[in-house]
Amino acid sequence: MASCLACESTNLGALPFRDGFLAHPLNQCAACGHIQVAVAPDPDRLRDYYVGIYSLQRAAFVDKGYGRIAERRARAQLDYFRDHMSDTAQLLDVGCGYGHLVSEAARRGITSAGLEYDLSAIQHGVNHHLNIRGVTSEQDIANEIAALRSGIVVMSHVLEHLRDPVRSLSACHHCWVFIEVPAYRADIVEQFVDQEGHLNFFNANSLLVLLRRLGFTIESHGTFGPGMRLFWQQRWIVPLRILRSLSRDYFLNRYGVRHADGIWVRVLARGSKCGF
């Protein structure tokens, strides 16, 4: 019987949305609100998607505007977890993309490295003298995390893409972990039109439930960015376009701004075997 990734409840109900891989329904947990695909695609299909279609789609957006967004988010994320922890000597960014967080961390004196599936992103990192290493499986990710002696593992917009988030998180018990994921609500249908390869659709509660179930200590958490309804619902599309034009930023330059119903969930947690 299928169970919820976050809380392991078997009380799942189908939503009127289909996943982007196999067109199966998305299931929602009645206990914690977590949403997940009913049937996950196999690892080979996922890998082909990320080195193929996903890579090409992302590359089409890589311009100065994309770089500005990525840099602003990286600075906000680093400010967030450095405000709450002292040991940031080492950083491993899982799914680092084009390496903006790796670059910003290195600029601040942090020994930083990134892991990435996308060959074009890896080459971009090499061209910019960044330590970005290629991985081809979720087991590779777990092995790389396990090899980190101390410091922080960053999973920014990554956990929702993994077939088995528990495996990667379980490898983090000797260190700190910073997670940022999109916040999902079943009543905002616009979020489920283009699912961008997501297999799990977290809310603030379900992410915290998952981490606590795995033995992590939550040091800080919150929701950030523009409000969910303003950002997603079609009735706000015209004022949102005006605000984006004024701010010259797709996310309205609100990367470090807390919002009670923000579009991103951020959590800083400490593994069960991690010292202070």
C-alpha atoms as a PDB file:
ATOM      1  CA  MET A   1       0.000   0.000   0.000  1.00  0.00           C
ATOM      2  CA  ALA A   2       1.306   3.447  -0.931  1.00  0.00           C
ATOM      3  CA  SER A   3       2.299   5.744   1.910  1.00  0.00           C
ATOM      4  CA  CYS A   4       3.128   9.415   2.301  1.00  0.00           C
ATOM      5  CA  LEU A   5       6.803  10.288   1.839  1.00  0.00           C
ATOM      6  CA  ALA A   6       6.656  12.835   4.663  1.00  0.00           C
ATOM      7  CA  CYS A   7       4.646  11.233   7.464  1.00  0.00           C
ATOM      8  CA  GLU A   8       4.170   7.644   6.177  1.00  0.00           C
ATOM      9  CA  SER A   9       0.380   7.837   6.467  1.00  0.00           C
ATOM     10  CA  THR A  10      -1.519   5.590   4.055  1.00  0.00           C
ATOM     11  CA  ASN A  11      -4.448   8.005   3.936  1.00  0.00           C
ATOM     12  CA  LEU A  12      -3.796   9.281   0.412  1.00  0.00           C
ATOM     13  CA  GLY A  13      -6.341  10.688  -2.011  1.00  0.00           C
ATOM     14  CA  ALA A  14      -6.022  11.425  -5.721  1.00  0.00           C
ATOM     15  CA  LEU A  15      -6.051  15.055  -6.886  1.00  0.00           C
ATOM     16  CA  PRO A  16      -7.389  16.156 -10.297  1.00  0.00           C
ATOM     17  CA  PHE A  17      -3.835  16.708 -11.592  1.00  0.00           C
ATOM     18  CA  ARG A  18      -1.610  14.363 -13.614  1.00  0.00           C
ATOM     19  CA  ASP A  19       2.139  14.067 -13.260  1.00  0.00           C
ATOM     20  CA  GLY A  20       4.384  15.211 -16.091  1.00  0.00           C
ATOM     21  CA  PHE A  21       6.074  11.862 -16.713  1.00  0.00           C
ATOM     22  CA  LEU A  22       3.567   9.008 -16.673  1.00  0.00           C
ATOM     23  CA  ALA A  23       0.269  10.941 -16.498  1.00  0.00           C
ATOM     24  CA  HIS A  24      -0.681   9.244 -13.231  1.00  0.00           C
ATOM     25  CA  PRO A  25      -2.672  11.243 -10.678  1.00  0.00           C
ATOM     26  CA  LEU A  26      -0.966  13.218  -7.948  1.00  0.00           C
ATOM     27  CA  ASN A  27      -1.882  11.945  -4.483  1.00  0.00           C
ATOM     28  CA  GLN A  28      -2.309  14.140  -1.411  1.00  0.00           C
ATOM     29  CA  CYS A  29      -1.838  12.997   2.174  1.00  0.00           C
ATOM     30  CA  ALA A  30      -4.824  13.767   4.401  1.00  0.00           C
ATOM     31  CA  ALA A  31      -2.570  13.861   7.484  1.00  0.00           C
ATOM     32  CA  CYS A  32       0.194  16.337   6.550  1.00  0.00           C
ATOM     33  CA  GLY A  33      -0.927  17.718   3.200  1.00  0.00           C
ATOM     34  CA  HIS A  34       2.069  16.419   1.246  1.00  0.00           C
ATOM     35  CA  ILE A  35       1.513  15.825  -2.484  1.00  0.00           C
ATOM     36  CA  GLN A  36       3.423  13.210  -4.468  1.00  0.00           C
ATOM     37  CA  VAL A  37       3.302  11.344  -7.758  1.00  0.00           C
ATOM     38  CA  ALA A  38       1.367   8.089  -7.575  1.00  0.00           C
ATOM     39  CA  VAL A  39       4.059   6.265  -9.590  1.00  0.00           C
ATOM     40  CA  ALA A  40       7.588   7.636  -9.941  1.00  0.00           C
ATOM     41  CA  PRO A  41       9.396   7.262 -13.282  1.00  0.00           C
ATOM     42  CA  ASP A  42      12.347   4.875 -13.295  1.00  0.00           C
ATOM     43  CA  PRO A  43      15.858   6.286 -12.674  1.00  0.00           C
ATOM     44  CA  ASP A  44      16.961   5.992 -16.323  1.00  0.00           C
ATOM     45  CA  ARG A  45      13.982   7.984 -17.536  1.00  0.00           C
ATOM     46  CA  LEU A  46      14.622  10.652 -14.920  1.00  0.00           C
ATOM     47  CA  ARG A  47      18.312  10.916 -15.790  1.00  0.00           C
ATOM     48  CA  ASP A  48      17.520  11.195 -19.509  1.00  0.00           C
ATOM     49  CA  TYR A  49      15.050  13.967 -18.739  1.00  0.00           C
ATOM     50  CA  TYR A  50      17.544  16.030 -16.730  1.00  0.00           C
ATOM     51  CA  VAL A  51      20.416  15.692 -19.189  1.00  0.00           C
ATOM     52  CA  GLY A  52      18.067  16.218 -22.141  1.00  0.00           C
ATOM     53  CA  ILE A  53      14.816  18.201 -22.119  1.00  0.00           C
ATOM     54  CA  TYR A  54      15.409  19.858 -18.729  1.00  0.00           C
ATOM     55  CA  SER A  55      18.927  20.923 -19.687  1.00  0.00           C
ATOM     56  CA  LEU A  56      17.784  22.448 -22.975  1.00  0.00           C
ATOM     57  CA  GLN A  57      14.875  24.292 -21.374  1.00  0.00           C
ATOM     58  CA  ARG A  58      17.071  25.726 -18.638  1.00  0.00           C
ATOM     59  CA  ALA A  59      19.822  26.728 -21.073  1.00  0.00           C
ATOM     60  CA  ALA A  60      17.281  28.779 -23.038  1.00  0.00           C
ATOM     61  CA  PHE A  61      16.825  31.052 -19.991  1.00  0.00           C
ATOM     62  CA  VAL A  62      20.493  31.474 -19.120  1.00  0.00           C
ATOM     63  CA  ASP A  63      21.151  35.135 -19.775  1.00  0.00           C
ATOM     64  CA  LYS A  64      22.023  38.202 -17.696  1.00  0.00           C
ATOM     65  CA  GLY A  65      18.521  38.254 -16.195  1.00  0.00           C
ATOM     66  CA  TYR A  66      18.785  34.623 -15.127  1.00  0.00           C
ATOM     67  CA  GLY A  67      22.212  35.261 -13.636  1.00  0.00           C
ATOM     68  CA  ARG A  68      20.929  38.261 -11.663  1.00  0.00           C
ATOM     69  CA  ILE A  69      18.088  36.170 -10.218  1.00  0.00           C
ATOM     70  CA  ALA A  70      20.399  33.269  -9.341  1.00  0.00           C
ATOM     71  CA  GLU A  71      22.940  35.573  -7.696  1.00  0.00           C
ATOM     72  CA  ARG A  72      20.314  37.371  -5.610  1.00  0.00           C
ATOM     73  CA  ARG A  73      18.850  34.069  -4.437  1.00  0.00           C
ATOM     74  CA  ALA A  74      22.325  32.730  -3.607  1.00  0.00           C
ATOM     75  CA  ARG A  75      23.157  35.800  -1.494  1.00  0.00           C
ATOM     76  CA  ALA A  76      19.826  35.581   0.372  1.00  0.00           C
ATOM     77  CA  GLN A  77      20.295  31.883   1.083  1.00  0.00           C
ATOM     78  CA  LEU A  78      23.847  32.320   2.338  1.00  0.00           C
ATOM     79  CA  ASP A  79      22.799  35.219   4.559  1.00  0.00           C
ATOM     80  CA  TYR A  80      19.974  33.082   5.945  1.00  0.00           C
ATOM     81  CA  PHE A  81      21.947  30.069   7.091  1.00  0.00           C
ATOM     82  CA  ARG A  82      25.063  31.988   8.121  1.00  0.00           C
ATOM     83  CA  ASP A  83      22.845  33.979  10.502  1.00  0.00           C
ATOM     84  CA  HIS A  84      21.921  30.732  12.272  1.00  0.00           C
ATOM     85  CA  MET A  85      25.101  28.635  12.339  1.00  0.00           C
ATOM     86  CA  SER A  86      28.791  29.125  12.979  1.00  0.00           C
ATOM     87  CA  ASP A  87      30.442  26.311  10.983  1.00  0.00           C
ATOM     88  CA  THR A  88      30.259  27.286   7.326  1.00  0.00           C
ATOM     89  CA  ALA A  89      33.828  26.334   6.468  1.00  0.00           C
ATOM     90  CA  GLN A  90      32.634  23.763   3.899  1.00  0.00           C
ATOM     91  CA  LEU A  91      29.612  23.753   1.627  1.00  0.00           C
ATOM     92  CA  LEU A  92      28.281  21.143  -0.795  1.00  0.00           C
ATOM     93  CA  ASP A  93      25.545  22.374  -3.132  1.00  0.00           C
ATOM     94  CA  VAL A  94      23.505  19.430  -4.448  1.00  0.00           C
ATOM     95  CA  GLY A  95      21.973  20.180  -7.841  1.00  0.00           C
ATOM     96  CA  CYS A  96      24.003  23.367  -8.076  1.00  0.00           C
ATOM     97  CA  GLY A  97      22.937  24.314 -11.597  1.00  0.00           C
ATOM     98  CA  TYR A  98      25.297  26.875 -13.077  1.00  0.00           C
ATOM     99  CA  GLY A  99      27.118  27.325  -9.778  1.00  0.00           C
ATOM    100  CA  HIS A 100      25.955  30.724  -8.558  1.00  0.00           C
ATOM    101  CA  LEU A 101      25.764  29.605  -4.923  1.00  0.00           C
ATOM    102  CA  VAL A 102      29.119  27.813  -5.191  1.00  0.00           C
ATOM    103  CA  SER A 103      30.642  30.992  -6.608  1.00  0.00           C
ATOM    104  CA  GLU A 104      29.124  33.284  -3.967  1.00  0.00           C
ATOM    105  CA  ALA A 105      30.164  30.941  -1.145  1.00  0.00           C
ATOM    106  CA  ALA A 106      33.738  30.823  -2.441  1.00  0.00           C
ATOM    107  CA  ARG A 107      33.751  34.620  -2.635  1.00  0.00           C
ATOM    108  CA  ARG A 108      32.904  34.654   1.088  1.00  0.00           C
ATOM    109  CA  GLY A 109      35.783  32.344   1.940  1.00  0.00           C
ATOM    110  CA  ILE A 110      33.833  29.086   2.161  1.00  0.00           C
ATOM    111  CA  THR A 111      35.346  25.949   0.650  1.00  0.00           C
ATOM    112  CA  SER A 112      32.554  25.081  -1.745  1.00  0.00           C
ATOM    113  CA  ALA A 113      31.684  22.417  -4.298  1.00  0.00           C
ATOM    114  CA  GLY A 114      28.636  21.536  -6.352  1.00  0.00           C
ATOM    115  CA  LEU A 115      27.028  18.383  -7.728  1.00  0.00           C
ATOM    116  CA  GLU A 116      25.076  18.393 -10.974  1.00  0.00           C
ATOM    117  CA  TYR A 117      23.517  16.072 -13.578  1.00  0.00           C
ATOM    118  CA  ASP A 118      23.406  18.617 -16.401  1.00  0.00           C
ATOM    119  CA  LEU A 119      26.563  18.387 -18.554  1.00  0.00           C
ATOM    120  CA  SER A 120      26.162  21.916 -19.928  1.00  0.00           C
ATOM    121  CA  ALA A 121      25.949  23.324 -16.387  1.00  0.00           C
ATOM    122  CA  ILE A 122      29.037  21.343 -15.360  1.00  0.00           C
ATOM    123  CA  GLN A 123      30.967  22.710 -18.340  1.00  0.00           C
ATOM    124  CA  HIS A 124      29.827  26.233 -17.464  1.00  0.00           C
ATOM    125  CA  GLY A 125      31.242  25.706 -13.979  1.00  0.00           C
ATOM    126  CA  VAL A 126      34.535  24.429 -15.354  1.00  0.00           C
ATOM    127  CA  ASN A 127      34.757  27.453 -17.651  1.00  0.00           C
ATOM    128  CA  HIS A 128      34.327  29.707 -14.618  1.00  0.00           C
ATOM    129  CA  HIS A 129      36.837  27.776 -12.464  1.00  0.00           C
ATOM    130  CA  LEU A 130      34.201  26.390 -10.103  1.00  0.00           C
ATOM    131  CA  ASN A 131      34.413  23.031  -8.350  1.00  0.00           C
ATOM    132  CA  ILE A 132      31.353  21.339  -9.886  1.00  0.00           C
ATOM    133  CA  ARG A 133      31.326  17.563 -10.121  1.00  0.00           C
ATOM    134  CA  GLY A 134      29.070  15.391 -12.242  1.00  0.00           C
ATOM    135  CA  VAL A 135      26.724  12.800 -10.744  1.00  0.00           C
ATOM    136  CA  THR A 136      24.551  10.279 -12.562  1.00  0.00           C
ATOM    137  CA  SER A 137      22.385   8.821  -9.802  1.00  0.00           C
ATOM    138  CA  GLU A 138      20.857   9.544  -6.415  1.00  0.00           C
ATOM    139  CA  GLN A 139      23.278   7.028  -4.932  1.00  0.00           C
ATOM    140  CA  ASP A 140      26.130   9.191  -6.264  1.00  0.00           C
ATOM    141  CA  ILE A 141      24.603  12.131  -4.411  1.00  0.00           C
ATOM    142  CA  ALA A 142      24.345  10.163  -1.152  1.00  0.00           C
ATOM    143  CA  ASN A 143      27.966   9.005  -1.503  1.00  0.00           C
ATOM    144  CA  GLU A 144      29.237  12.561  -2.085  1.00  0.00           C
ATOM    145  CA  ILE A 145      27.320  13.839   0.945  1.00  0.00           C
ATOM    146  CA  ALA A 146      28.669  11.025   3.122  1.00  0.00           C
ATOM    147  CA  ALA A 147      32.209  12.006   2.125  1.00  0.00           C
ATOM    148  CA  LEU A 148      31.738  15.549   3.453  1.00  0.00           C
ATOM    149  CA  ARG A 149      33.471  15.685   6.835  1.00  0.00           C
ATOM    150  CA  SER A 150      31.593  18.687   8.229  1.00  0.00           C
ATOM    151  CA  GLY A 151      29.886  21.880   7.144  1.00  0.00           C
ATOM    152  CA  ILE A 152      26.608  22.261   5.320  1.00  0.00           C
ATOM    153  CA  VAL A 153      24.789  20.456   2.525  1.00  0.00           C
ATOM    154  CA  VAL A 154      22.574  22.722   0.436  1.00  0.00           C
ATOM    155  CA  MET A 155      19.561  21.316  -1.401  1.00  0.00           C
ATOM    156  CA  SER A 156      17.967  24.314  -3.104  1.00  0.00           C
ATOM    157  CA  HIS A 157      15.068  23.304  -5.372  1.00  0.00           C
ATOM    158  CA  VAL A 158      16.380  19.750  -5.489  1.00  0.00           C
ATOM    159  CA  LEU A 159      14.451  17.635  -2.979  1.00  0.00           C
ATOM    160  CA  GLU A 160      11.258  17.850  -5.027  1.00  0.00           C
ATOM    161  CA  HIS A 161      13.049  16.257  -8.005  1.00  0.00           C
ATOM    162  CA  LEU A 162      14.396  13.140  -6.254  1.00  0.00           C
ATOM    163  CA  ARG A 163      12.803   9.703  -6.466  1.00  0.00           C
ATOM    164  CA  ASP A 164      14.064   8.916  -2.968  1.00  0.00           C
ATOM    165  CA  PRO A 165      14.654  12.090  -0.931  1.00  0.00           C
ATOM    166  CA  VAL A 166      15.046   9.982   2.205  1.00  0.00           C
ATOM    167  CA  ARG A 167      18.251   8.404   0.881  1.00  0.00           C
ATOM    168  CA  SER A 168      19.934  11.765   0.278  1.00  0.00           C
ATOM    169  CA  LEU A 169      18.695  13.253   3.544  1.00  0.00           C
ATOM    170  CA  SER A 170      19.785  10.205   5.540  1.00  0.00           C
ATOM    171  CA  ALA A 171      23.336  10.790   4.315  1.00  0.00           C
ATOM    172  CA  CYS A 172      23.287  14.252   5.961  1.00  0.00           C
ATOM    173  CA  HIS A 173      23.148  13.204   9.621  1.00  0.00           C
ATOM    174  CA  HIS A 174      26.761  14.215  10.289  1.00  0.00           C
ATOM    175  CA  CYS A 175      26.306  17.787   9.087  1.00  0.00           C
ATOM    176  CA  TRP A 176      23.964  20.722   8.680  1.00  0.00           C
ATOM    177  CA  VAL A 177      21.464  20.852   5.836  1.00  0.00           C
ATOM    178  CA  PHE A 178      19.790  23.838   4.210  1.00  0.00           C
ATOM    179  CA  ILE A 179      16.722  23.125   2.110  1.00  0.00           C
ATOM    180  CA  GLU A 180      14.630  25.356  -0.086  1.00  0.00           C
ATOM    181  CA  VAL A 181      11.641  23.978  -1.985  1.00  0.00           C
ATOM    182  CA  PRO A 182       8.625  25.498  -3.717  1.00  0.00           C
ATOM    183  CA  ALA A 183       5.579  25.676  -1.455  1.00  0.00           C
ATOM    184  CA  TYR A 184       2.548  23.930  -2.943  1.00  0.00           C
ATOM    185  CA  ARG A 185      -1.161  24.275  -2.296  1.00  0.00           C
ATOM    186  CA  ALA A 186      -3.739  22.021  -3.928  1.00  0.00           C
ATOM    187  CA  ASP A 187      -6.204  24.908  -4.258  1.00  0.00           C
ATOM    188  CA  ILE A 188      -3.883  26.897  -6.555  1.00  0.00           C
ATOM    189  CA  VAL A 189      -4.279  24.961  -9.782  1.00  0.00           C
ATOM    190  CA  GLU A 190      -1.801  27.132 -11.724  1.00  0.00           C
ATOM    191  CA  GLN A 191       1.069  25.481  -9.831  1.00  0.00           C
ATOM    192  CA  PHE A 192       0.331  22.121 -11.435  1.00  0.00           C
ATOM    193  CA  VAL A 193       0.256  23.170 -15.096  1.00  0.00           C
ATOM    194  CA  ASP A 194       4.043  22.959 -15.642  1.00  0.00           C
ATOM    195  CA  GLN A 195       5.441  20.682 -12.945  1.00  0.00           C
ATOM    196  CA  GLU A 196       9.100  21.034 -14.062  1.00  0.00           C
ATOM    197  CA  GLY A 197       9.908  17.410 -13.341  1.00  0.00           C
ATOM    198  CA  HIS A 198       8.779  17.518  -9.710  1.00  0.00           C
ATOM    199  CA  LEU A 199       7.933  14.230  -8.018  1.00  0.00           C
ATOM    200  CA  ASN A 200       7.136  15.632  -4.556  1.00  0.00           C
ATOM    201  CA  PHE A 201       5.176  18.793  -3.861  1.00  0.00           C
ATOM    202  CA  PHE A 202       6.006  20.009  -0.363  1.00  0.00           C
ATOM    203  CA  ASN A 203       4.310  22.454   1.938  1.00  0.00           C
ATOM    204  CA  ALA A 204       5.960  23.932   5.043  1.00  0.00           C
ATOM    205  CA  ASN A 205       4.354  21.351   7.319  1.00  0.00           C
ATOM    206  CA  SER A 206       5.180  18.275   5.242  1.00  0.00           C
ATOM    207  CA  LEU A 207       8.847  19.233   4.880  1.00  0.00           C
ATOM    208  CA  LEU A 208       9.210  19.743   8.637  1.00  0.00           C
ATOM    209  CA  VAL A 209       7.375  16.480   9.326  1.00  0.00           C
ATOM    210  CA  LEU A 210       9.752  14.598   7.026  1.00  0.00           C
ATOM    211  CA  LEU A 211      12.898  16.081   8.569  1.00  0.00           C
ATOM    212  CA  ARG A 212      11.764  15.448  12.146  1.00  0.00           C
ATOM    213  CA  ARG A 213      10.766  11.886  11.260  1.00  0.00           C
ATOM    214  CA  LEU A 214      14.323  11.343  10.006  1.00  0.00           C
ATOM    215  CA  GLY A 215      15.803  12.667  13.257  1.00  0.00           C
ATOM    216  CA  PHE A 216      16.875  16.172  12.244  1.00  0.00           C
ATOM    217  CA  THR A 217      16.775  19.104  14.648  1.00  0.00           C
ATOM    218  CA  ILE A 218      15.116  22.135  13.070  1.00  0.00           C
ATOM    219  CA  GLU A 219      17.150  25.278  13.743  1.00  0.00           C
ATOM    220  CA  SER A 220      15.149  27.714  11.636  1.00  0.00           C
ATOM    221  CA  HIS A 221      12.367  27.647   9.075  1.00  0.00           C
ATOM    222  CA  GLY A 222       9.955  29.937   7.281  1.00  0.00           C
ATOM    223  CA  THR A 223       8.327  30.838   3.982  1.00  0.00           C
ATOM    224  CA  PHE A 224       9.869  33.501   1.777  1.00  0.00           C
ATOM    225  CA  GLY A 225       9.350  35.418  -1.445  1.00  0.00           C
ATOM    226  CA  PRO A 226       6.225  36.852  -3.037  1.00  0.00           C
ATOM    227  CA  GLY A 227       2.837  35.701  -1.767  1.00  0.00           C
ATOM    228  CA  MET A 228       1.412  32.530  -3.284  1.00  0.00           C
ATOM    229  CA  ARG A 229      -1.815  34.023  -4.616  1.00  0.00           C
ATOM    230  CA  LEU A 230      -0.172  37.103  -6.123  1.00  0.00           C
ATOM    231  CA  PHE A 231       2.524  35.023  -7.774  1.00  0.00           C
ATOM    232  CA  TRP A 232       0.383  32.188  -9.125  1.00  0.00           C
ATOM    233  CA  GLN A 233      -3.232  33.093  -9.661  1.00  0.00           C
ATOM    234  CA  GLN A 234      -4.237  34.309 -13.106  1.00  0.00           C
ATOM    235  CA  ARG A 235      -6.429  37.144 -11.813  1.00  0.00           C
ATOM    236  CA  TRP A 236      -3.271  38.931 -10.616  1.00  0.00           C
ATOM    237  CA  ILE A 237      -1.349  38.490 -13.876  1.00  0.00           C
ATOM    238  CA  VAL A 238      -1.616  42.146 -15.005  1.00  0.00           C
ATOM    239  CA  PRO A 239      -0.526  43.784 -11.704  1.00  0.00           C
ATOM    240  CA  LEU A 240       2.181  41.135 -11.385  1.00  0.00           C
ATOM    241  CA  ARG A 241       3.564  42.040 -14.805  1.00  0.00           C
ATOM    242  CA  ILE A 242       3.651  45.693 -13.759  1.00  0.00           C
ATOM    243  CA  LEU A 243       5.466  44.850 -10.518  1.00  0.00           C
ATOM    244  CA  ARG A 244       7.965  42.673 -12.393  1.00  0.00           C
ATOM    245  CA  SER A 245       8.611  45.483 -14.830  1.00  0.00           C
ATOM    246  CA  LEU A 246       9.212  47.949 -12.005  1.00  0.00           C
ATOM    247  CA  SER A 247      11.481  45.596 -10.056  1.00  0.00           C
ATOM    248  CA  ARG A 248      13.147  44.155 -13.188  1.00  0.00           C
ATOM    249  CA  ASP A 249      13.007  40.825 -11.434  1.00  0.00           C
ATOM    250  CA  TYR A 250      10.759  37.799 -12.020  1.00  0.00           C
ATOM    251  CA  PHE A 251      10.484  37.167  -8.262  1.00  0.00           C
ATOM    252  CA  LEU A 252      10.186  40.897  -7.409  1.00  0.00           C
ATOM    253  CA  ASN A 253      13.601  40.806  -5.688  1.00  0.00           C
ATOM    254  CA  ARG A 254      12.050  39.315  -2.543  1.00  0.00           C
ATOM    255  CA  TYR A 255      14.576  36.509  -2.003  1.00  0.00           C
ATOM    256  CA  GLY A 256      15.297  37.369   1.615  1.00  0.00           C
ATOM    257  CA  VAL A 257      11.810  38.569   2.563  1.00  0.00           C
ATOM    258  CA  ARG A 258       9.684  36.447   4.885  1.00  0.00           C
ATOM    259  CA  HIS A 259       6.034  36.107   3.913  1.00  0.00           C
ATOM    260  CA  ALA A 260       3.377  34.186   5.814  1.00  0.00           C
ATOM    261  CA  ASP A 261       2.303  32.549   2.555  1.00  0.00           C
ATOM    262  CA  GLY A 262       5.522  32.838   0.537  1.00  0.00           C
ATOM    263  CA  ILE A 263       6.287  30.764  -2.537  1.00  0.00           C
ATOM    264  CA  TRP A 264       9.395  29.120  -1.032  1.00  0.00           C
ATOM    265  CA  VAL A 265       9.871  27.046   2.112  1.00  0.00           C
ATOM    266  CA  ARG A 266      13.309  27.345   3.739  1.00  0.00           C
ATOM    267  CA  VAL A 267      14.608  25.108   6.493  1.00  0.00           C
ATOM    268  CA  LEU A 268      17.964  24.931   8.253  1.00  0.00           C
ATOM    269  CA  ALA A 269      18.396  21.696  10.173  1.00  0.00           C
ATOM    270  CA  ARG A 270      21.085  19.792  12.027  1.00  0.00           C
ATOM    271  CA  GLY A 271      21.700  16.068  11.622  1.00  0.00           C
ATOM    272  CA  SER A 272      21.492  13.733  14.609  1.00  0.00           C
ATOM    273  CA  LYS A 273      25.283  13.140  14.548  1.00  0.00           C
ATOM    274  CA  CYS A 274      26.240  16.760  13.937  1.00  0.00           C
ATOM    275  CA  GLY A 275      27.827  18.821  16.692  1.00  0.00           C
ATOM    276  CA  PHE A 276      27.042  22.467  17.242  1.00  0.00           C
END
